[in-house]
């Protein structure tokens, strides 16, 4: 994901692990579509579905995860190390890196001044439910997963503007109402609480009327 005011070279510098995951994912997808059983018949579909790709991405992330350092470093030390590494290896001028926050804020202000942000609750709810459904293993998720994805969605659509109070909760409520199926079988009092309900998405979610905010 690009960030306004951050040079592309610096974004690429932070994407080295992403590149490793992408390379591993391509190899896993090739293995997936070419895998055959003992009779020589294809084991899977000839095209990788979105759900299969999400699972392969998780496998690729685990396979490429570097070993943890023996000695933990403080956040301040990590920031200092990252900054020094960026200056030495990213190809971006040190003056830009040192004033990165100011660059990003200025670029964001210019974008917000010329782009109108409109949130359609019904469309956001469908997008949030679909994303959470695909990205959670076992196709099961809780309200907190929907809420986190709703806030990510709003951050992208609003481009850094403040969201209206409760807008994220409205999107979650719309997602649960229109696109989610409650699978909960609570055996305790806590299990009855909204935050502990277990959901999935039915195969054919019912459409919702547009809700514009």
Protein backbone atom coordinates (compact mmCIF):
# COMPACT_ATOMS: atom_id res chain seq x y z
CA UNK A 1 0.00 0.00 0.00
CA UNK A 2 1.38 3.39 -0.98
CA UNK A 3 1.46 6.29 1.45
CA UNK A 4 1.11 9.88 0.26
CA UNK A 5 4.42 11.73 0.42
CA UNK A 6 6.55 8.59 0.80
CA UNK A 7 8.88 7.98 -2.18
CA UNK A 8 8.30 4.76 -4.10
CA UNK A 9 11.93 3.74 -3.54
CA UNK A 10 11.42 3.87 0.22
CA UNK A 11 8.20 1.84 -0.04
CA UNK A 12 10.09 -0.78 -2.04
CA UNK A 13 12.79 -0.80 0.64
CA UNK A 14 10.14 -1.73 3.23
CA UNK A 15 8.67 -4.41 0.94
CA UNK A 16 11.55 -6.86 0.89
CA UNK A 17 9.64 -9.41 2.94
CA UNK A 18 6.56 -8.86 0.78
CA UNK A 19 8.68 -9.68 -2.26
CA UNK A 20 9.83 -12.91 -0.61
CA UNK A 21 6.23 -13.85 0.18
CA UNK A 22 5.13 -13.04 -3.38
CA UNK A 23 7.87 -15.26 -4.84
CA UNK A 24 7.00 -18.13 -2.50
CA UNK A 25 3.29 -17.67 -3.24
CA UNK A 26 3.89 -17.94 -6.98
CA UNK A 27 5.72 -21.23 -6.42
CA UNK A 28 2.93 -22.56 -4.19
CA UNK A 29 0.26 -21.58 -6.72
CA UNK A 30 2.18 -23.42 -9.45
CA UNK A 31 2.36 -26.52 -7.25
CA UNK A 32 -1.37 -26.16 -6.52
CA UNK A 33 -2.54 -26.09 -10.14
CA UNK A 34 -0.12 -28.83 -11.27
CA UNK A 35 -0.63 -31.26 -8.37
CA UNK A 36 -1.96 -34.69 -9.37
CA UNK A 37 -3.14 -37.71 -7.41
CA UNK A 38 -1.93 -41.32 -7.72
CA UNK A 39 -4.03 -41.78 -10.86
CA UNK A 40 -2.55 -38.75 -12.56
CA UNK A 41 -5.72 -36.69 -12.21
CA UNK A 42 -5.60 -33.06 -10.99
CA UNK A 43 -5.96 -32.84 -7.21
CA UNK A 44 -7.33 -29.29 -7.26
CA UNK A 45 -9.04 -26.86 -9.62
CA UNK A 46 -6.95 -25.57 -12.54
CA UNK A 47 -7.43 -22.00 -11.28
CA UNK A 48 -6.56 -20.84 -7.75
CA UNK A 49 -9.67 -19.49 -6.05
CA UNK A 50 -9.58 -16.45 -3.76
CA UNK A 51 -10.08 -18.67 -0.73
CA UNK A 52 -7.27 -21.01 -1.76
CA UNK A 53 -5.00 -18.07 -2.51
CA UNK A 54 -5.61 -16.62 0.97
CA UNK A 55 -4.59 -19.94 2.54
CA UNK A 56 -1.53 -20.21 0.31
CA UNK A 57 -0.56 -16.67 1.35
CA UNK A 58 -0.60 -17.74 4.99
CA UNK A 59 1.60 -20.73 4.15
CA UNK A 60 4.00 -18.49 2.18
CA UNK A 61 4.20 -16.07 5.11
CA UNK A 62 5.13 -18.89 7.49
CA UNK A 63 7.68 -20.40 5.10
CA UNK A 64 9.47 -17.08 4.57
CA UNK A 65 9.34 -15.83 8.17
CA UNK A 66 12.91 -15.12 9.32
CA UNK A 67 14.14 -16.57 12.62
CA UNK A 68 13.74 -14.32 15.63
CA UNK A 69 16.73 -12.46 16.99
CA UNK A 70 18.19 -13.94 20.15
CA UNK A 71 18.32 -10.55 21.82
CA UNK A 72 15.24 -8.33 21.78
CA UNK A 73 15.69 -4.67 20.84
CA UNK A 74 13.68 -1.76 22.21
CA UNK A 75 11.32 0.15 19.94
CA UNK A 76 13.62 3.17 20.08
CA UNK A 77 16.56 1.01 18.96
CA UNK A 78 14.48 -0.57 16.18
CA UNK A 79 13.48 2.85 14.88
CA UNK A 80 17.08 4.05 14.92
CA UNK A 81 18.24 0.91 13.09
CA UNK A 82 15.46 1.16 10.50
CA UNK A 83 16.24 4.81 9.85
CA UNK A 84 19.97 4.17 9.44
CA UNK A 85 19.30 1.21 7.14
CA UNK A 86 16.90 3.26 5.01
CA UNK A 87 19.42 6.07 4.62
CA UNK A 88 22.18 3.64 3.63
CA UNK A 89 20.29 1.23 1.35
CA UNK A 90 16.99 2.67 0.06
CA UNK A 91 18.47 5.21 -2.34
CA UNK A 92 16.31 7.98 -0.86
CA UNK A 93 18.02 11.17 0.28
CA UNK A 94 18.63 11.42 4.01
CA UNK A 95 16.92 14.84 4.09
CA UNK A 96 13.69 13.26 2.78
CA UNK A 97 13.84 10.45 5.34
CA UNK A 98 14.50 12.90 8.16
CA UNK A 99 11.46 14.98 7.18
CA UNK A 100 9.25 12.08 6.12
CA UNK A 101 6.34 12.92 8.43
CA UNK A 102 6.15 16.48 7.10
CA UNK A 103 6.25 15.21 3.49
CA UNK A 104 3.46 12.72 4.17
CA UNK A 105 1.24 15.28 5.93
CA UNK A 106 1.65 17.84 3.15
CA UNK A 107 0.84 15.29 0.45
CA UNK A 108 -2.16 13.98 2.38
CA UNK A 109 -3.54 17.50 2.82
CA UNK A 110 -3.23 18.15 -0.93
CA UNK A 111 -5.05 14.90 -1.77
CA UNK A 112 -7.85 15.51 0.73
CA UNK A 113 -8.36 19.01 -0.71
CA UNK A 114 -9.23 17.66 -4.18
CA UNK A 115 -10.84 14.27 -3.46
CA UNK A 116 -14.31 13.89 -1.96
CA UNK A 117 -14.70 10.96 0.43
CA UNK A 118 -18.09 9.22 0.47
CA UNK A 119 -18.81 6.13 2.55
CA UNK A 120 -21.61 3.84 1.41
CA UNK A 121 -22.45 1.74 4.45
CA UNK A 122 -24.07 -1.10 2.49
CA UNK A 123 -21.15 -1.42 0.07
CA UNK A 124 -18.63 -1.14 2.90
CA UNK A 125 -20.47 -3.87 4.82
CA UNK A 126 -20.34 -6.23 1.82
CA UNK A 127 -16.64 -5.55 1.28
CA UNK A 128 -15.79 -5.99 4.97
CA UNK A 129 -17.74 -9.25 5.30
CA UNK A 130 -16.22 -10.72 2.13
CA UNK A 131 -12.67 -9.80 3.14
CA UNK A 132 -12.98 -11.21 6.65
CA UNK A 133 -14.64 -14.38 5.33
CA UNK A 134 -11.80 -15.02 2.87
CA UNK A 135 -8.93 -14.09 5.17
CA UNK A 136 -9.93 -16.06 8.28
CA UNK A 137 -8.96 -19.71 8.37
CA UNK A 138 -11.94 -22.04 8.61
CA UNK A 139 -14.32 -19.32 7.32
CA UNK A 140 -15.22 -18.45 10.92
CA UNK A 141 -14.76 -15.08 12.56
CA UNK A 142 -15.88 -12.84 15.43
CA UNK A 143 -17.21 -9.30 15.55
CA UNK A 144 -13.75 -7.94 16.35
CA UNK A 145 -12.49 -9.18 12.99
CA UNK A 146 -15.26 -7.29 11.23
CA UNK A 147 -14.58 -4.17 13.28
CA UNK A 148 -10.85 -4.20 12.48
CA UNK A 149 -11.56 -4.61 8.77
CA UNK A 150 -14.22 -1.86 8.87
CA UNK A 151 -11.68 0.54 10.34
CA UNK A 152 -9.13 -0.43 7.68
CA UNK A 153 -11.77 0.17 5.02
CA UNK A 154 -12.61 3.59 6.43
CA UNK A 155 -8.95 4.57 6.66
CA UNK A 156 -8.59 3.78 2.96
CA UNK A 157 -11.79 5.47 1.81
CA UNK A 158 -11.52 8.56 4.02
CA UNK A 159 -7.81 9.07 3.25
CA UNK A 160 -6.90 10.10 6.77
CA UNK A 161 -10.00 12.15 7.56
CA UNK A 162 -11.69 11.60 10.90
CA UNK A 163 -14.59 9.17 10.66
CA UNK A 164 -17.98 10.01 12.12
CA UNK A 165 -18.38 8.53 15.62
CA UNK A 166 -19.92 5.08 15.43
CA UNK A 167 -19.57 4.74 11.64
CA UNK A 168 -17.35 1.66 12.03
CA UNK A 169 -19.96 0.05 14.30
CA UNK A 170 -22.70 0.84 11.76
CA UNK A 171 -20.75 -0.94 9.04
CA UNK A 172 -20.22 -3.95 11.29
CA UNK A 173 -23.91 -4.06 12.20
CA UNK A 174 -24.85 -3.90 8.51
CA UNK A 175 -22.36 -6.65 7.67
CA UNK A 176 -23.71 -8.95 10.38
CA UNK A 177 -27.33 -8.24 9.44
CA UNK A 178 -27.00 -8.66 5.66
CA UNK A 179 -24.06 -10.94 5.06
CA UNK A 180 -23.28 -13.04 8.15
CA UNK A 181 -24.70 -16.21 9.62
CA UNK A 182 -24.50 -16.69 13.40
CA UNK A 183 -23.01 -20.12 14.20
CA UNK A 184 -22.73 -19.59 17.94
CA UNK A 185 -23.63 -22.33 20.39
CA UNK A 186 -22.80 -20.58 23.65
CA UNK A 187 -22.41 -22.66 26.78
CA UNK A 188 -21.53 -19.80 29.14
CA UNK A 189 -22.94 -16.36 29.95
CA UNK A 190 -19.95 -14.71 28.27
CA UNK A 191 -20.64 -16.72 25.14
CA UNK A 192 -23.96 -14.88 24.80
CA UNK A 193 -22.20 -11.51 24.50
CA UNK A 194 -22.01 -9.93 21.04
CA UNK A 195 -18.23 -9.93 20.99
CA UNK A 196 -18.06 -13.70 21.46
CA UNK A 197 -20.58 -14.68 18.79
CA UNK A 198 -19.15 -16.80 15.97
CA UNK A 199 -20.06 -15.96 12.38
CA UNK A 200 -19.57 -17.12 8.82
CA UNK A 201 -20.88 -15.83 5.49
CA UNK A 202 -23.68 -17.70 3.69
CA UNK A 203 -23.00 -18.61 0.10
CA UNK A 204 -25.51 -16.16 -1.36
CA UNK A 205 -25.86 -13.09 0.91
CA UNK A 206 -29.05 -11.11 0.60
CA UNK A 207 -28.66 -7.66 -1.04
CA UNK A 208 -29.06 -4.52 1.04
CA UNK A 209 -30.50 -1.16 -0.03
CA UNK A 210 -27.84 1.56 -0.47
CA UNK A 211 -27.14 3.58 2.65
CA UNK A 212 -25.19 6.75 1.97
CA UNK A 213 -23.38 8.63 4.69
